[in-house]
Amino acid sequence: MRRPCLSSGPNPNISDYQLIDGAGDNLLILVVQAVTLINKMLLDNSQRLSGFIF
């Protein structure tokens, strides 16, 4: 992952927002992956854990 240099732009706030936006995108990807993994685990375990409500 390439991180934009803070001193590259004339306005440092723009670079700060780019960094925050990039971190938010990565966090969103991680959350989606985690939810997908949890859903897959619950579906795989649903046959063995019949009657168990998560």
N, C-alpha and C. Protein backbone atom coordinates (compact mmCIF):
# COMPACT_ATOMS: atom_id res chain seq x y z
N MET A 1 0.85 -1.18 0.00
CA MET A 1 0.00 0.00 0.00
C MET A 1 0.89 1.24 0.00
N ARG A 2 0.67 2.10 -0.98
CA ARG A 2 1.45 3.34 -1.06
C ARG A 2 0.79 4.41 -0.22
N ARG A 3 1.57 5.07 0.61
CA ARG A 3 1.05 6.13 1.45
C ARG A 3 1.43 7.47 0.85
N PRO A 4 0.47 8.36 0.61
CA PRO A 4 0.83 9.67 0.04
C PRO A 4 1.68 10.48 1.01
N CYS A 5 2.65 11.18 0.46
CA CYS A 5 3.55 11.98 1.28
C CYS A 5 2.80 13.22 1.78
N LEU A 6 2.99 13.55 3.06
CA LEU A 6 2.26 14.68 3.63
C LEU A 6 2.73 16.00 3.04
N SER A 7 3.99 16.07 2.59
CA SER A 7 4.52 17.34 2.09
C SER A 7 4.39 17.46 0.57
N SER A 8 3.66 16.55 -0.08
CA SER A 8 3.60 16.56 -1.54
C SER A 8 2.67 17.67 -2.04
N GLY A 9 1.60 17.98 -1.31
CA GLY A 9 0.63 18.95 -1.79
C GLY A 9 0.84 20.31 -1.16
N PRO A 10 0.30 21.36 -1.78
CA PRO A 10 0.41 22.70 -1.20
C PRO A 10 -0.39 22.83 0.08
N ASN A 11 -1.48 22.08 0.20
CA ASN A 11 -2.32 22.14 1.39
C ASN A 11 -2.19 20.81 2.14
N PRO A 12 -1.60 20.78 3.33
CA PRO A 12 -1.40 19.52 4.05
C PRO A 12 -2.72 18.85 4.45
N ASN A 13 -3.79 19.65 4.58
CA ASN A 13 -5.07 19.07 4.97
C ASN A 13 -5.58 18.09 3.92
N ILE A 14 -5.31 18.37 2.65
CA ILE A 14 -5.76 17.47 1.59
C ILE A 14 -5.11 16.10 1.76
N SER A 15 -3.80 16.08 2.04
CA SER A 15 -3.10 14.82 2.22
C SER A 15 -3.62 14.09 3.46
N ASP A 16 -3.93 14.85 4.51
CA ASP A 16 -4.47 14.22 5.72
C ASP A 16 -5.79 13.53 5.41
N TYR A 17 -6.65 14.21 4.65
CA TYR A 17 -7.92 13.59 4.31
C TYR A 17 -7.72 12.37 3.43
N GLN A 18 -6.73 12.40 2.54
CA GLN A 18 -6.46 11.23 1.70
C GLN A 18 -6.01 10.05 2.56
N LEU A 19 -5.18 10.33 3.57
CA LEU A 19 -4.72 9.26 4.46
C LEU A 19 -5.90 8.68 5.24
N ILE A 20 -6.77 9.56 5.76
CA ILE A 20 -7.93 9.09 6.52
C ILE A 20 -8.85 8.28 5.62
N ASP A 21 -9.06 8.76 4.39
CA ASP A 21 -9.94 8.05 3.47
C ASP A 21 -9.36 6.68 3.14
N GLY A 22 -8.05 6.59 2.91
CA GLY A 22 -7.43 5.31 2.61
C GLY A 22 -7.54 4.35 3.79
N ALA A 23 -7.34 4.86 5.01
CA ALA A 23 -7.47 4.01 6.19
C ALA A 23 -8.91 3.51 6.33
N GLY A 24 -9.87 4.39 6.03
CA GLY A 24 -11.27 3.98 6.10
C GLY A 24 -11.59 2.89 5.09
N ASP A 25 -11.02 2.99 3.89
CA ASP A 25 -11.25 1.95 2.88
C ASP A 25 -10.67 0.63 3.36
N ASN A 26 -9.46 0.65 3.92
CA ASN A 26 -8.85 -0.59 4.39
C ASN A 26 -9.66 -1.18 5.54
N LEU A 27 -10.15 -0.32 6.44
CA LEU A 27 -10.95 -0.81 7.57
C LEU A 27 -12.24 -1.43 7.07
N LEU A 28 -12.85 -0.80 6.06
CA LEU A 28 -14.09 -1.35 5.50
C LEU A 28 -13.84 -2.72 4.89
N ILE A 29 -12.72 -2.86 4.17
CA ILE A 29 -12.40 -4.16 3.57
C ILE A 29 -12.21 -5.20 4.66
N LEU A 30 -11.52 -4.84 5.74
CA LEU A 30 -11.30 -5.79 6.84
C LEU A 30 -12.61 -6.19 7.49
N VAL A 31 -13.52 -5.22 7.68
CA VAL A 31 -14.81 -5.52 8.30
C VAL A 31 -15.61 -6.46 7.41
N VAL A 32 -15.61 -6.18 6.10
CA VAL A 32 -16.36 -7.04 5.18
C VAL A 32 -15.78 -8.45 5.20
N GLN A 33 -14.45 -8.58 5.20
CA GLN A 33 -13.84 -9.90 5.24
C GLN A 33 -14.17 -10.62 6.54
N ALA A 34 -14.16 -9.90 7.66
CA ALA A 34 -14.46 -10.52 8.94
C ALA A 34 -15.91 -10.98 8.99
N VAL A 35 -16.84 -10.14 8.51
CA VAL A 35 -18.25 -10.53 8.52
C VAL A 35 -18.47 -11.73 7.60
N THR A 36 -17.83 -11.73 6.44
CA THR A 36 -17.97 -12.86 5.53
C THR A 36 -17.45 -14.14 6.17
N LEU A 37 -16.31 -14.04 6.85
CA LEU A 37 -15.74 -15.22 7.50
C LEU A 37 -16.65 -15.72 8.62
N ILE A 38 -17.19 -14.79 9.42
CA ILE A 38 -18.09 -15.19 10.51
C ILE A 38 -19.34 -15.85 9.95
N ASN A 39 -19.91 -15.26 8.89
CA ASN A 39 -21.10 -15.85 8.29
C ASN A 39 -20.80 -17.25 7.75
N LYS A 40 -19.65 -17.43 7.15
CA LYS A 40 -19.28 -18.74 6.62
C LYS A 40 -19.13 -19.75 7.77
N MET A 41 -18.49 -19.32 8.86
CA MET A 41 -18.32 -20.22 10.00
C MET A 41 -19.68 -20.58 10.59
N LEU A 42 -20.58 -19.60 10.71
CA LEU A 42 -21.90 -19.89 11.27
C LEU A 42 -22.67 -20.84 10.36
N LEU A 43 -22.56 -20.64 9.04
CA LEU A 43 -23.26 -21.53 8.12
C LEU A 43 -22.68 -22.94 8.20
N ASP A 44 -21.35 -23.04 8.32
CA ASP A 44 -20.73 -24.36 8.40
C ASP A 44 -21.11 -25.07 9.70
N ASN A 45 -21.27 -24.31 10.78
CA ASN A 45 -21.57 -24.90 12.08
C ASN A 45 -23.07 -25.06 12.31
N SER A 46 -23.91 -24.54 11.41
CA SER A 46 -25.35 -24.55 11.66
C SER A 46 -25.89 -25.97 11.69
N GLN A 47 -25.29 -26.88 10.92
CA GLN A 47 -25.79 -28.26 10.93
C GLN A 47 -25.45 -28.93 12.26
N ARG A 48 -24.26 -28.64 12.80
CA ARG A 48 -23.86 -29.26 14.06
C ARG A 48 -24.51 -28.57 15.25
N LEU A 49 -24.74 -27.27 15.12
CA LEU A 49 -25.30 -26.51 16.24
C LEU A 49 -26.76 -26.18 15.97
N SER A 50 -27.53 -27.18 15.59
CA SER A 50 -28.96 -26.93 15.34
C SER A 50 -29.64 -26.54 16.64
N GLY A 51 -30.44 -25.47 16.58
CA GLY A 51 -31.12 -24.97 17.76
C GLY A 51 -30.34 -23.91 18.49
N PHE A 52 -29.06 -23.72 18.13
CA PHE A 52 -28.26 -22.67 18.77
C PHE A 52 -28.45 -21.37 18.00
N ILE A 53 -28.88 -20.32 18.71
CA ILE A 53 -29.13 -19.03 18.08
C ILE A 53 -28.01 -18.09 18.47
N PHE A 54 -27.31 -17.56 17.50
CA PHE A 54 -26.18 -16.66 17.76
C PHE A 54 -26.71 -15.26 17.99
